[in-house]
Amino acid sequence: MRIIFQACIALTVSVSEEDVVDHLLAEAWHYRGYVEAFVINHHGQFIGFVSLYIHKEHSEIINFLIDDAF
């Protein structure tokens, strides 16, 4: 799990807040009983992640982040 978090922090994103990736990862960890985080890869290269809120009758994408290179 640590490797995934380190790879997420290394993502280059074009957003106004510099710490947005840290915040999204902290949020996924804090709500880990309700939120599942998944890596997104392209030909074996880590390029982003998505976090999903999962409930019995209702699920939704909470965060979706892709590296600027893609």
Foldseek 3Di string as FASTA:
>chain_A
DVVVLVLQLPAADDDPDNCPSVVVVVVCVVVVVFKDKDFDDDPPHTFWIWIKGDDDVDIDTDDTDGGPVD
